[in-house]
Amino acid sequence: MSNLNAASLYENLQQPISQYYDKSSNLTREEYFYKLSISTTLYLGNLSIYTTEEQIFELFNRVGAGVRRLIMGRNKETGKAIGFCFIEYFNHEDAKEAHEYLDLLKLDERAIRVDWDIGYSEGREYGRGTGGNQVRDSYRKVADPERPNVQSNRGRGRSYNNNGGRRKQADDDESDNSGGGYKKRGGNRSNNNY
């Protein structure tokens, strides 16, 4: 017999839409997670620096009524792509579908991370890490061949997970070189190739 009861169902419904909480948003946790629950914006991470806006737009435009806007993450000093972007949909349901089906999909040999975002505001397209890159690049222990301008911090700095604990191994540093194109890792869809 299952240990499922009304209290556990209620707790599951109250789980936040994302594990990430951006303290720099100047919102309380409750306000932040409420905004996520109605958001039409997704954050894409672990993109190849060579992935183009056109590739991302074409892929994400396949979901729902289509993409409203795409904002590429850029190095503030050089203007080059640094491996993330924001995708805005016209409604929450389309963004939810894209989050569900495209998270961990392989694009240009990298499993992209799709997470909820409270909404794009001017200036968020620039990296907040050292040298204008992403913050995670500042803590990277293993050099990423996709980011030739970012040096490994092997033995320097510390890497932490979203819950404040020490991260054992960086998921973003792993790559699976089993093929190209669009390919989802895991999931329950029968056709994983796009």
N, C-alpha and C. Protein backbone atom coordinates (compact mmCIF):
# COMPACT_ATOMS: atom_id res chain seq x y z
N MET A 1 0.85 -1.17 0.00
CA MET A 1 0.00 0.00 0.00
C MET A 1 0.89 1.24 0.00
N SER A 2 0.52 2.22 -0.71
CA SER A 2 1.29 3.46 -0.83
C SER A 2 1.15 4.32 0.41
N ASN A 3 2.21 5.08 0.72
CA ASN A 3 2.19 6.02 1.84
C ASN A 3 1.63 7.37 1.42
N LEU A 4 0.87 7.42 0.35
CA LEU A 4 0.33 8.66 -0.16
C LEU A 4 -0.87 9.08 0.67
N ASN A 5 -0.86 10.32 1.16
CA ASN A 5 -2.00 10.84 1.89
C ASN A 5 -2.23 12.29 1.49
N ALA A 6 -3.31 12.88 1.99
CA ALA A 6 -3.68 14.25 1.61
C ALA A 6 -2.58 15.24 1.97
N ALA A 7 -1.93 15.05 3.11
CA ALA A 7 -0.88 15.99 3.54
C ALA A 7 0.30 15.96 2.56
N SER A 8 0.72 14.76 2.11
CA SER A 8 1.84 14.69 1.18
C SER A 8 1.46 15.26 -0.18
N LEU A 9 0.21 15.08 -0.60
CA LEU A 9 -0.25 15.68 -1.85
C LEU A 9 -0.19 17.20 -1.76
N TYR A 10 -0.63 17.75 -0.63
CA TYR A 10 -0.60 19.20 -0.44
C TYR A 10 0.83 19.71 -0.45
N GLU A 11 1.74 19.01 0.22
CA GLU A 11 3.15 19.42 0.25
C GLU A 11 3.74 19.43 -1.16
N ASN A 12 3.41 18.41 -1.96
CA ASN A 12 3.92 18.34 -3.32
C ASN A 12 3.42 19.51 -4.16
N LEU A 13 2.16 19.92 -3.94
CA LEU A 13 1.62 21.04 -4.68
C LEU A 13 2.27 22.36 -4.28
N GLN A 14 2.80 22.42 -3.07
CA GLN A 14 3.41 23.64 -2.58
C GLN A 14 4.89 23.76 -2.91
N GLN A 15 5.46 22.78 -3.60
CA GLN A 15 6.88 22.84 -3.97
C GLN A 15 7.09 24.00 -4.93
N PRO A 16 8.18 24.74 -4.78
CA PRO A 16 8.44 25.86 -5.69
C PRO A 16 8.63 25.38 -7.12
N ILE A 17 8.32 26.24 -8.06
CA ILE A 17 8.41 25.93 -9.48
C ILE A 17 9.86 25.73 -9.90
N SER A 18 10.80 26.27 -9.13
CA SER A 18 12.23 26.17 -9.41
C SER A 18 12.97 26.04 -8.09
N GLN A 19 14.15 25.45 -8.13
CA GLN A 19 14.97 25.35 -6.93
C GLN A 19 15.84 26.60 -6.75
N TYR A 20 15.93 27.40 -7.81
CA TYR A 20 16.81 28.57 -7.78
C TYR A 20 16.07 29.79 -7.26
N TYR A 21 16.69 30.51 -6.36
CA TYR A 21 16.16 31.77 -5.84
C TYR A 21 17.24 32.83 -6.03
N ASP A 22 16.95 33.85 -6.81
CA ASP A 22 17.92 34.91 -7.10
C ASP A 22 17.80 36.00 -6.04
N LYS A 23 18.76 36.02 -5.13
CA LYS A 23 18.74 37.00 -4.04
C LYS A 23 18.89 38.42 -4.55
N SER A 24 19.52 38.59 -5.71
CA SER A 24 19.71 39.94 -6.25
C SER A 24 18.43 40.51 -6.85
N SER A 25 17.34 39.76 -6.86
CA SER A 25 16.08 40.24 -7.41
C SER A 25 15.41 41.28 -6.51
N ASN A 26 15.88 41.39 -5.25
CA ASN A 26 15.29 42.29 -4.26
C ASN A 26 13.83 41.95 -3.95
N LEU A 27 13.46 40.70 -4.15
CA LEU A 27 12.12 40.22 -3.81
C LEU A 27 12.24 39.24 -2.65
N THR A 28 11.19 39.13 -1.85
CA THR A 28 11.16 38.09 -0.82
C THR A 28 11.04 36.76 -1.53
N ARG A 29 11.33 35.67 -0.84
CA ARG A 29 11.20 34.34 -1.45
C ARG A 29 9.77 34.13 -1.96
N GLU A 30 8.79 34.54 -1.16
CA GLU A 30 7.39 34.35 -1.54
C GLU A 30 7.05 35.13 -2.82
N GLU A 31 7.50 36.40 -2.88
CA GLU A 31 7.26 37.21 -4.07
C GLU A 31 7.96 36.61 -5.29
N TYR A 32 9.20 36.18 -5.07
CA TYR A 32 9.99 35.62 -6.16
C TYR A 32 9.31 34.38 -6.75
N PHE A 33 8.91 33.44 -5.89
CA PHE A 33 8.31 32.21 -6.39
C PHE A 33 6.91 32.44 -6.95
N TYR A 34 6.20 33.44 -6.45
CA TYR A 34 4.91 33.79 -7.05
C TYR A 34 5.13 34.29 -8.48
N LYS A 35 6.13 35.18 -8.67
CA LYS A 35 6.42 35.69 -10.01
C LYS A 35 6.80 34.56 -10.96
N LEU A 36 7.55 33.57 -10.44
CA LEU A 36 7.90 32.42 -11.28
C LEU A 36 6.65 31.65 -11.69
N SER A 37 5.68 31.54 -10.78
CA SER A 37 4.48 30.74 -11.04
C SER A 37 3.60 31.34 -12.14
N ILE A 38 3.78 32.61 -12.46
CA ILE A 38 2.99 33.25 -13.52
C ILE A 38 3.86 33.72 -14.68
N SER A 39 5.15 33.43 -14.60
CA SER A 39 6.11 33.94 -15.57
C SER A 39 5.90 33.35 -16.97
N THR A 40 6.31 34.11 -17.95
CA THR A 40 6.34 33.65 -19.34
C THR A 40 7.78 33.58 -19.85
N THR A 41 8.74 33.74 -18.93
CA THR A 41 10.15 33.80 -19.31
C THR A 41 10.93 32.60 -18.79
N LEU A 42 11.78 32.06 -19.65
CA LEU A 42 12.65 30.96 -19.29
C LEU A 42 14.11 31.40 -19.40
N TYR A 43 14.94 30.82 -18.56
CA TYR A 43 16.39 31.03 -18.61
C TYR A 43 17.00 29.77 -19.20
N LEU A 44 17.84 29.93 -20.21
CA LEU A 44 18.55 28.80 -20.81
C LEU A 44 20.01 28.92 -20.45
N GLY A 45 20.56 27.87 -19.87
CA GLY A 45 21.96 27.86 -19.51
C GLY A 45 22.68 26.68 -20.14
N ASN A 46 23.97 26.67 -20.00
CA ASN A 46 24.86 25.64 -20.54
C ASN A 46 24.81 25.58 -22.07
N LEU A 47 24.54 26.71 -22.69
CA LEU A 47 24.56 26.79 -24.15
C LEU A 47 26.01 26.84 -24.63
N SER A 48 26.23 26.34 -25.82
CA SER A 48 27.53 26.51 -26.46
C SER A 48 27.69 27.98 -26.80
N ILE A 49 28.90 28.49 -26.71
CA ILE A 49 29.12 29.89 -27.09
C ILE A 49 28.98 30.06 -28.61
N TYR A 50 28.92 28.95 -29.33
CA TYR A 50 28.78 28.99 -30.77
C TYR A 50 27.33 28.82 -31.23
N THR A 51 26.42 28.51 -30.31
CA THR A 51 25.01 28.37 -30.66
C THR A 51 24.45 29.75 -31.01
N THR A 52 23.73 29.82 -32.11
CA THR A 52 23.22 31.11 -32.59
C THR A 52 21.80 31.37 -32.08
N GLU A 53 21.41 32.63 -32.12
CA GLU A 53 20.04 33.02 -31.76
C GLU A 53 19.05 32.31 -32.67
N GLU A 54 19.39 32.18 -33.93
CA GLU A 54 18.49 31.54 -34.89
C GLU A 54 18.22 30.08 -34.52
N GLN A 55 19.27 29.35 -34.09
CA GLN A 55 19.09 27.96 -33.68
C GLN A 55 18.14 27.86 -32.49
N ILE A 56 18.36 28.69 -31.49
CA ILE A 56 17.55 28.67 -30.28
C ILE A 56 16.11 29.05 -30.61
N PHE A 57 15.96 30.12 -31.38
CA PHE A 57 14.62 30.59 -31.75
C PHE A 57 13.87 29.50 -32.50
N GLU A 58 14.54 28.86 -33.46
CA GLU A 58 13.88 27.81 -34.25
C GLU A 58 13.42 26.65 -33.37
N LEU A 59 14.26 26.24 -32.44
CA LEU A 59 13.92 25.13 -31.56
C LEU A 59 12.77 25.50 -30.61
N PHE A 60 12.88 26.62 -29.92
CA PHE A 60 11.87 26.98 -28.94
C PHE A 60 10.58 27.49 -29.57
N ASN A 61 10.64 27.92 -30.80
CA ASN A 61 9.44 28.38 -31.50
C ASN A 61 8.53 27.22 -31.88
N ARG A 62 9.03 26.00 -31.78
CA ARG A 62 8.24 24.80 -32.08
C ARG A 62 7.21 24.51 -30.99
N VAL A 63 7.35 25.15 -29.84
CA VAL A 63 6.48 24.87 -28.70
C VAL A 63 5.44 25.96 -28.58
N GLY A 64 4.17 25.54 -28.43
CA GLY A 64 3.09 26.49 -28.20
C GLY A 64 2.88 27.44 -29.36
N ALA A 65 2.41 28.65 -29.03
CA ALA A 65 2.10 29.66 -30.04
C ALA A 65 3.35 30.35 -30.56
N GLY A 66 4.48 30.06 -29.95
CA GLY A 66 5.73 30.61 -30.43
C GLY A 66 6.39 31.55 -29.43
N VAL A 67 7.62 31.90 -29.76
CA VAL A 67 8.45 32.74 -28.90
C VAL A 67 8.13 34.20 -29.16
N ARG A 68 7.98 34.95 -28.09
CA ARG A 68 7.74 36.40 -28.18
C ARG A 68 9.05 37.15 -28.40
N ARG A 69 10.10 36.75 -27.61
CA ARG A 69 11.37 37.46 -27.67
C ARG A 69 12.48 36.56 -27.13
N LEU A 70 13.68 36.74 -27.68
CA LEU A 70 14.87 36.01 -27.24
C LEU A 70 15.97 37.03 -26.97
N ILE A 71 16.61 36.92 -25.80
CA ILE A 71 17.69 37.83 -25.44
C ILE A 71 18.92 36.98 -25.12
N MET A 72 19.98 37.11 -25.93
CA MET A 72 21.21 36.34 -25.71
C MET A 72 22.03 36.95 -24.60
N GLY A 73 22.65 36.09 -23.78
CA GLY A 73 23.60 36.53 -22.78
C GLY A 73 24.90 36.92 -23.44
N ARG A 74 25.45 38.03 -23.03
CA ARG A 74 26.67 38.55 -23.67
C ARG A 74 27.68 38.98 -22.62
N ASN A 75 28.94 38.92 -23.00
CA ASN A 75 30.00 39.47 -22.18
C ASN A 75 29.94 40.99 -22.33
N LYS A 76 29.84 41.69 -21.22
CA LYS A 76 29.67 43.15 -21.27
C LYS A 76 30.87 43.84 -21.91
N GLU A 77 32.05 43.27 -21.76
CA GLU A 77 33.26 43.89 -22.29
C GLU A 77 33.47 43.59 -23.78
N THR A 78 33.18 42.35 -24.19
CA THR A 78 33.47 41.96 -25.58
C THR A 78 32.22 41.86 -26.46
N GLY A 79 31.05 41.73 -25.86
CA GLY A 79 29.82 41.58 -26.63
C GLY A 79 29.59 40.18 -27.17
N LYS A 80 30.50 39.25 -26.87
CA LYS A 80 30.37 37.88 -27.37
C LYS A 80 29.39 37.07 -26.52
N ALA A 81 28.77 36.07 -27.15
CA ALA A 81 27.86 35.17 -26.44
C ALA A 81 28.63 34.41 -25.36
N ILE A 82 27.99 34.21 -24.19
CA ILE A 82 28.69 33.54 -23.09
C ILE A 82 27.94 32.33 -22.55
N GLY A 83 26.96 31.81 -23.30
CA GLY A 83 26.39 30.53 -22.94
C GLY A 83 25.07 30.55 -22.20
N PHE A 84 24.32 31.65 -22.26
CA PHE A 84 22.98 31.65 -21.69
C PHE A 84 22.10 32.62 -22.47
N CYS A 85 20.78 32.51 -22.28
CA CYS A 85 19.85 33.46 -22.88
C CYS A 85 18.53 33.41 -22.13
N PHE A 86 17.68 34.35 -22.46
CA PHE A 86 16.32 34.41 -21.93
C PHE A 86 15.36 34.22 -23.10
N ILE A 87 14.31 33.44 -22.87
CA ILE A 87 13.28 33.21 -23.87
C ILE A 87 11.95 33.67 -23.24
N GLU A 88 11.24 34.54 -23.93
CA GLU A 88 9.92 34.98 -23.48
C GLU A 88 8.86 34.39 -24.39
N TYR A 89 7.85 33.80 -23.78
CA TYR A 89 6.70 33.29 -24.52
C TYR A 89 5.53 34.25 -24.35
N PHE A 90 4.47 34.03 -25.10
CA PHE A 90 3.28 34.88 -25.00
C PHE A 90 2.44 34.55 -23.77
N ASN A 91 2.53 33.28 -23.29
CA ASN A 91 1.75 32.92 -22.10
C ASN A 91 2.51 31.87 -21.28
N HIS A 92 2.06 31.71 -20.05
CA HIS A 92 2.72 30.81 -19.09
C HIS A 92 2.64 29.35 -19.53
N GLU A 93 1.51 28.95 -20.10
CA GLU A 93 1.33 27.55 -20.48
C GLU A 93 2.33 27.12 -21.56
N ASP A 94 2.59 28.00 -22.53
CA ASP A 94 3.58 27.67 -23.57
C ASP A 94 4.98 27.59 -22.97
N ALA A 95 5.30 28.50 -22.06
CA ALA A 95 6.61 28.46 -21.38
C ALA A 95 6.74 27.18 -20.56
N LYS A 96 5.64 26.79 -19.91
CA LYS A 96 5.64 25.56 -19.10
C LYS A 96 5.90 24.34 -19.98
N GLU A 97 5.28 24.30 -21.14
CA GLU A 97 5.48 23.19 -22.07
C GLU A 97 6.94 23.15 -22.55
N ALA A 98 7.50 24.31 -22.88
CA ALA A 98 8.90 24.37 -23.32
C ALA A 98 9.83 23.92 -22.20
N HIS A 99 9.55 24.34 -20.98
CA HIS A 99 10.37 23.93 -19.82
C HIS A 99 10.33 22.41 -19.67
N GLU A 100 9.14 21.86 -19.78
CA GLU A 100 8.96 20.42 -19.58
C GLU A 100 9.65 19.58 -20.66
N TYR A 101 9.52 19.99 -21.92
CA TYR A 101 10.01 19.17 -23.02
C TYR A 101 11.44 19.47 -23.47
N LEU A 102 11.94 20.66 -23.19
CA LEU A 102 13.23 21.03 -23.75
C LEU A 102 14.37 21.08 -22.73
N ASP A 103 14.07 20.94 -21.44
CA ASP A 103 15.12 20.90 -20.43
C ASP A 103 15.99 19.67 -20.66
N LEU A 104 17.28 19.85 -20.66
CA LEU A 104 18.31 18.82 -20.86
C LEU A 104 18.38 18.29 -22.29
N LEU A 105 17.71 18.96 -23.21
CA LEU A 105 17.81 18.62 -24.62
C LEU A 105 19.21 18.96 -25.10
N LYS A 106 19.77 18.13 -25.96
CA LYS A 106 21.11 18.42 -26.48
C LYS A 106 21.01 19.35 -27.68
N LEU A 107 21.78 20.43 -27.58
CA LEU A 107 21.86 21.40 -28.66
C LEU A 107 23.34 21.73 -28.83
N ASP A 108 23.87 21.51 -30.01
CA ASP A 108 25.31 21.71 -30.26
C ASP A 108 26.16 20.94 -29.26
N GLU A 109 25.82 19.67 -29.07
CA GLU A 109 26.60 18.76 -28.21
C GLU A 109 26.54 19.07 -26.71
N ARG A 110 25.63 19.95 -26.29
CA ARG A 110 25.54 20.31 -24.86
C ARG A 110 24.10 20.14 -24.39
N ALA A 111 23.95 19.56 -23.20
CA ALA A 111 22.63 19.43 -22.59
C ALA A 111 22.26 20.79 -22.01
N ILE A 112 21.30 21.46 -22.64
CA ILE A 112 20.93 22.80 -22.20
C ILE A 112 20.05 22.72 -20.96
N ARG A 113 20.20 23.69 -20.08
CA ARG A 113 19.41 23.79 -18.86
C ARG A 113 18.31 24.81 -19.09
N VAL A 114 17.07 24.41 -18.90
CA VAL A 114 15.94 25.31 -19.04
C VAL A 114 15.33 25.49 -17.66
N ASP A 115 15.29 26.72 -17.18
CA ASP A 115 14.72 27.00 -15.86
C ASP A 115 13.84 28.23 -15.96
N TRP A 116 12.98 28.39 -14.99
CA TRP A 116 12.09 29.53 -14.94
C TRP A 116 12.84 30.80 -14.56
N ASP A 117 12.36 31.93 -15.05
CA ASP A 117 12.92 33.23 -14.71
C ASP A 117 11.77 34.18 -14.44
N ILE A 118 11.98 35.16 -13.55
CA ILE A 118 10.90 36.08 -13.18
C ILE A 118 10.61 37.10 -14.27
N GLY A 119 11.45 37.19 -15.27
CA GLY A 119 11.24 38.13 -16.36
C GLY A 119 12.49 38.94 -16.62
N TYR A 120 12.73 39.18 -17.88
CA TYR A 120 13.92 39.91 -18.29
C TYR A 120 13.77 41.39 -17.96
N SER A 121 14.86 41.98 -17.49
CA SER A 121 14.94 43.44 -17.34
C SER A 121 16.28 43.88 -17.91
N GLU A 122 16.31 45.11 -18.38
CA GLU A 122 17.50 45.66 -19.05
C GLU A 122 18.76 45.44 -18.22
N GLY A 123 19.81 44.95 -18.87
CA GLY A 123 21.09 44.75 -18.21
C GLY A 123 21.34 43.33 -17.74
N ARG A 124 20.29 42.50 -17.67
CA ARG A 124 20.46 41.12 -17.19
C ARG A 124 21.10 40.22 -18.24
N GLU A 125 21.25 40.72 -19.46
CA GLU A 125 21.87 39.89 -20.50
C GLU A 125 23.38 39.83 -20.35
N TYR A 126 23.94 40.64 -19.46
CA TYR A 126 25.38 40.65 -19.29
C TYR A 126 25.81 39.72 -18.17
N GLY A 127 26.92 39.02 -18.38
CA GLY A 127 27.45 38.12 -17.38
C GLY A 127 27.86 38.88 -16.13
N ARG A 128 27.63 38.26 -14.97
CA ARG A 128 27.95 38.91 -13.69
C ARG A 128 29.23 38.35 -13.08
N GLY A 129 29.92 37.49 -13.81
CA GLY A 129 31.16 36.90 -13.30
C GLY A 129 32.37 37.75 -13.62
N THR A 130 33.53 37.23 -13.26
CA THR A 130 34.77 37.97 -13.53
C THR A 130 34.99 38.09 -15.03
N GLY A 131 35.45 39.24 -15.46
CA GLY A 131 35.73 39.46 -16.88
C GLY A 131 34.50 39.54 -17.74
N GLY A 132 33.31 39.67 -17.15
CA GLY A 132 32.08 39.78 -17.91
C GLY A 132 31.46 38.46 -18.31
N ASN A 133 32.02 37.34 -17.86
CA ASN A 133 31.46 36.03 -18.17
C ASN A 133 30.44 35.63 -17.11
N GLN A 134 29.96 34.39 -17.19
CA GLN A 134 29.00 33.89 -16.22
C GLN A 134 29.68 33.67 -14.87
N VAL A 135 28.89 33.76 -13.82
CA VAL A 135 29.41 33.55 -12.47
C VAL A 135 29.96 32.13 -12.34
N ARG A 136 29.28 31.15 -12.91
CA ARG A 136 29.74 29.77 -12.77
C ARG A 136 31.11 29.56 -13.39
N ASP A 137 31.44 30.35 -14.41
CA ASP A 137 32.76 30.25 -15.01
C ASP A 137 33.85 30.69 -14.03
N SER A 138 33.50 31.57 -13.11
CA SER A 138 34.46 32.04 -12.11
C SER A 138 34.81 30.95 -11.12
N TYR A 139 33.93 29.94 -10.98
CA TYR A 139 34.14 28.86 -10.02
C TYR A 139 34.49 27.53 -10.67
N ARG A 140 34.61 27.52 -11.99
CA ARG A 140 34.86 26.28 -12.72
C ARG A 140 36.20 25.69 -12.32
N LYS A 141 36.21 24.40 -12.00
CA LYS A 141 37.44 23.71 -11.61
C LYS A 141 38.11 23.00 -12.79
N VAL A 142 37.32 22.72 -13.82
CA VAL A 142 37.83 22.04 -15.01
C VAL A 142 37.61 22.97 -16.20
N ALA A 143 38.62 23.18 -16.99
CA ALA A 143 38.51 24.07 -18.15
C ALA A 143 37.45 23.54 -19.11
N ASP A 144 36.63 24.42 -19.63
CA ASP A 144 35.60 24.07 -20.60
C ASP A 144 36.11 24.44 -21.98
N PRO A 145 36.34 23.47 -22.86
CA PRO A 145 36.88 23.77 -24.18
C PRO A 145 35.97 24.68 -24.99
N GLU A 146 34.69 24.76 -24.63
CA GLU A 146 33.75 25.65 -25.31
C GLU A 146 33.97 27.10 -24.94
N ARG A 147 34.66 27.35 -23.84
CA ARG A 147 34.87 28.72 -23.37
C ARG A 147 36.37 29.00 -23.29
N PRO A 148 37.01 29.21 -24.45
CA PRO A 148 38.46 29.34 -24.48
C PRO A 148 38.99 30.56 -23.72
N ASN A 149 38.18 31.57 -23.51
CA ASN A 149 38.64 32.77 -22.82
C ASN A 149 38.47 32.68 -21.31
N VAL A 150 37.93 31.55 -20.82
CA VAL A 150 37.71 31.37 -19.39
C VAL A 150 38.74 30.41 -18.86
N GLN A 151 39.45 30.80 -17.84
CA GLN A 151 40.47 29.94 -17.26
C GLN A 151 39.87 29.09 -16.16
N SER A 152 40.40 27.89 -16.01
CA SER A 152 39.99 27.00 -14.94
C SER A 152 40.44 27.56 -13.60
N ASN A 153 39.61 27.40 -12.60
CA ASN A 153 39.96 27.83 -11.25
C ASN A 153 40.31 26.62 -10.40
N ARG A 154 41.00 25.68 -10.99
CA ARG A 154 41.37 24.47 -10.29
C ARG A 154 42.12 24.83 -9.02
N GLY A 155 41.53 24.44 -7.89
CA GLY A 155 42.16 24.68 -6.61
C GLY A 155 41.88 26.06 -6.04
N ARG A 156 41.22 26.94 -6.80
CA ARG A 156 40.89 28.27 -6.31
C ARG A 156 39.38 28.40 -6.19
N GLY A 157 38.93 29.11 -5.18
CA GLY A 157 37.51 29.35 -5.03
C GLY A 157 36.76 28.10 -4.61
N ARG A 158 35.49 28.26 -4.39
CA ARG A 158 34.63 27.14 -4.01
C ARG A 158 33.38 27.16 -4.86
N SER A 159 32.82 26.01 -5.05
CA SER A 159 31.61 25.89 -5.83
C SER A 159 30.48 25.42 -4.93
N TYR A 160 29.37 26.10 -5.00
CA TYR A 160 28.24 25.78 -4.14
C TYR A 160 26.99 25.51 -4.96
N ASN A 161 26.13 24.65 -4.42
CA ASN A 161 24.87 24.39 -5.10
C ASN A 161 23.85 25.45 -4.69
N ASN A 162 22.65 25.41 -5.27
CA ASN A 162 21.63 26.43 -5.03
C ASN A 162 21.11 26.43 -3.60
N ASN A 163 21.31 25.36 -2.87
CA ASN A 163 20.81 25.29 -1.51
C ASN A 163 21.87 25.72 -0.50
N GLY A 164 22.98 26.24 -0.95
CA GLY A 164 24.01 26.74 -0.05
C GLY A 164 25.04 25.71 0.36
N GLY A 165 24.88 24.46 -0.06
CA GLY A 165 25.82 23.41 0.31
C GLY A 165 26.94 23.29 -0.70
N ARG A 166 28.02 22.69 -0.31
CA ARG A 166 29.16 22.49 -1.21
C ARG A 166 28.77 21.52 -2.30
N ARG A 167 29.06 21.83 -3.52
CA ARG A 167 28.71 20.98 -4.65
C ARG A 167 29.81 19.96 -4.84
N LYS A 168 29.45 18.69 -4.95
CA LYS A 168 30.44 17.62 -5.10
C LYS A 168 31.03 17.59 -6.49
N GLN A 169 30.15 17.71 -7.50
CA GLN A 169 30.63 17.69 -8.88
C GLN A 169 29.71 18.58 -9.69
N ALA A 170 30.26 19.39 -10.54
CA ALA A 170 29.46 20.32 -11.34
C ALA A 170 28.80 19.58 -12.48
N ASP A 171 27.45 19.56 -12.48
CA ASP A 171 26.71 18.92 -13.55
C ASP A 171 26.96 19.62 -14.88
N ASP A 172 27.16 20.94 -14.86
CA ASP A 172 27.33 21.69 -16.09
C ASP A 172 28.66 21.40 -16.76
N ASP A 173 29.60 20.82 -16.03
CA ASP A 173 30.91 20.56 -16.61
C ASP A 173 30.97 19.25 -17.36
N GLU A 174 29.93 18.45 -17.25
CA GLU A 174 29.91 17.16 -17.94
C GLU A 174 29.40 17.37 -19.35
N SER A 175 29.93 16.63 -20.28
CA SER A 175 29.36 16.68 -21.62
C SER A 175 29.31 15.27 -22.17
N ASP A 176 28.30 15.04 -22.97
CA ASP A 176 28.10 13.75 -23.60
C ASP A 176 28.29 13.97 -25.09
N ASN A 177 29.33 13.41 -25.66
CA ASN A 177 29.64 13.65 -27.06
C ASN A 177 29.09 12.54 -27.95
N SER A 178 27.84 12.15 -27.70
CA SER A 178 27.28 11.02 -28.43
C SER A 178 26.58 11.41 -29.73
N GLY A 179 26.51 12.67 -30.06
CA GLY A 179 25.87 13.03 -31.32
C GLY A 179 25.47 14.48 -31.32
N GLY A 180 25.04 14.97 -32.46
CA GLY A 180 24.69 16.37 -32.57
C GLY A 180 23.21 16.59 -32.71
N GLY A 181 22.87 17.78 -33.08
CA GLY A 181 21.47 18.13 -33.27
C GLY A 181 20.75 18.28 -31.96
N TYR A 182 19.46 18.13 -32.03
CA TYR A 182 18.63 18.26 -30.84
C TYR A 182 18.36 16.88 -30.29
N LYS A 183 18.72 16.64 -29.07
CA LYS A 183 18.53 15.31 -28.49
C LYS A 183 18.32 15.45 -27.00
N LYS A 184 17.22 14.91 -26.50
CA LYS A 184 16.92 15.02 -25.07
C LYS A 184 17.52 13.84 -24.33
N ARG A 185 18.14 14.15 -23.19
CA ARG A 185 18.66 13.08 -22.33
C ARG A 185 17.56 12.69 -21.37
N GLY A 186 17.24 11.43 -21.35
CA GLY A 186 16.20 10.95 -20.43
C GLY A 186 14.83 11.36 -20.91
N GLY A 187 13.89 11.40 -19.97
CA GLY A 187 12.54 11.81 -20.32
C GLY A 187 11.70 10.63 -20.76
N ASN A 188 10.42 10.90 -21.01
CA ASN A 188 9.52 9.80 -21.34
C ASN A 188 8.92 9.96 -22.73
N ARG A 189 9.48 10.83 -23.56
CA ARG A 189 8.97 10.96 -24.91
C ARG A 189 9.59 9.88 -25.79
N SER A 190 8.79 9.31 -26.66
CA SER A 190 9.28 8.21 -27.48
C SER A 190 10.23 8.70 -28.58
N ASN A 191 10.03 9.91 -29.09
CA ASN A 191 10.89 10.42 -30.14
C ASN A 191 11.77 11.52 -29.56
N ASN A 192 13.00 11.19 -29.21
CA ASN A 192 13.89 12.13 -28.55
C ASN A 192 14.77 12.91 -29.50
N ASN A 193 14.71 12.62 -30.78
CA ASN A 193 15.53 13.36 -31.74
C ASN A 193 14.67 14.37 -32.47
N TYR A 194 15.19 15.56 -32.66
CA TYR A 194 14.45 16.61 -33.35
C TYR A 194 15.15 16.97 -34.62
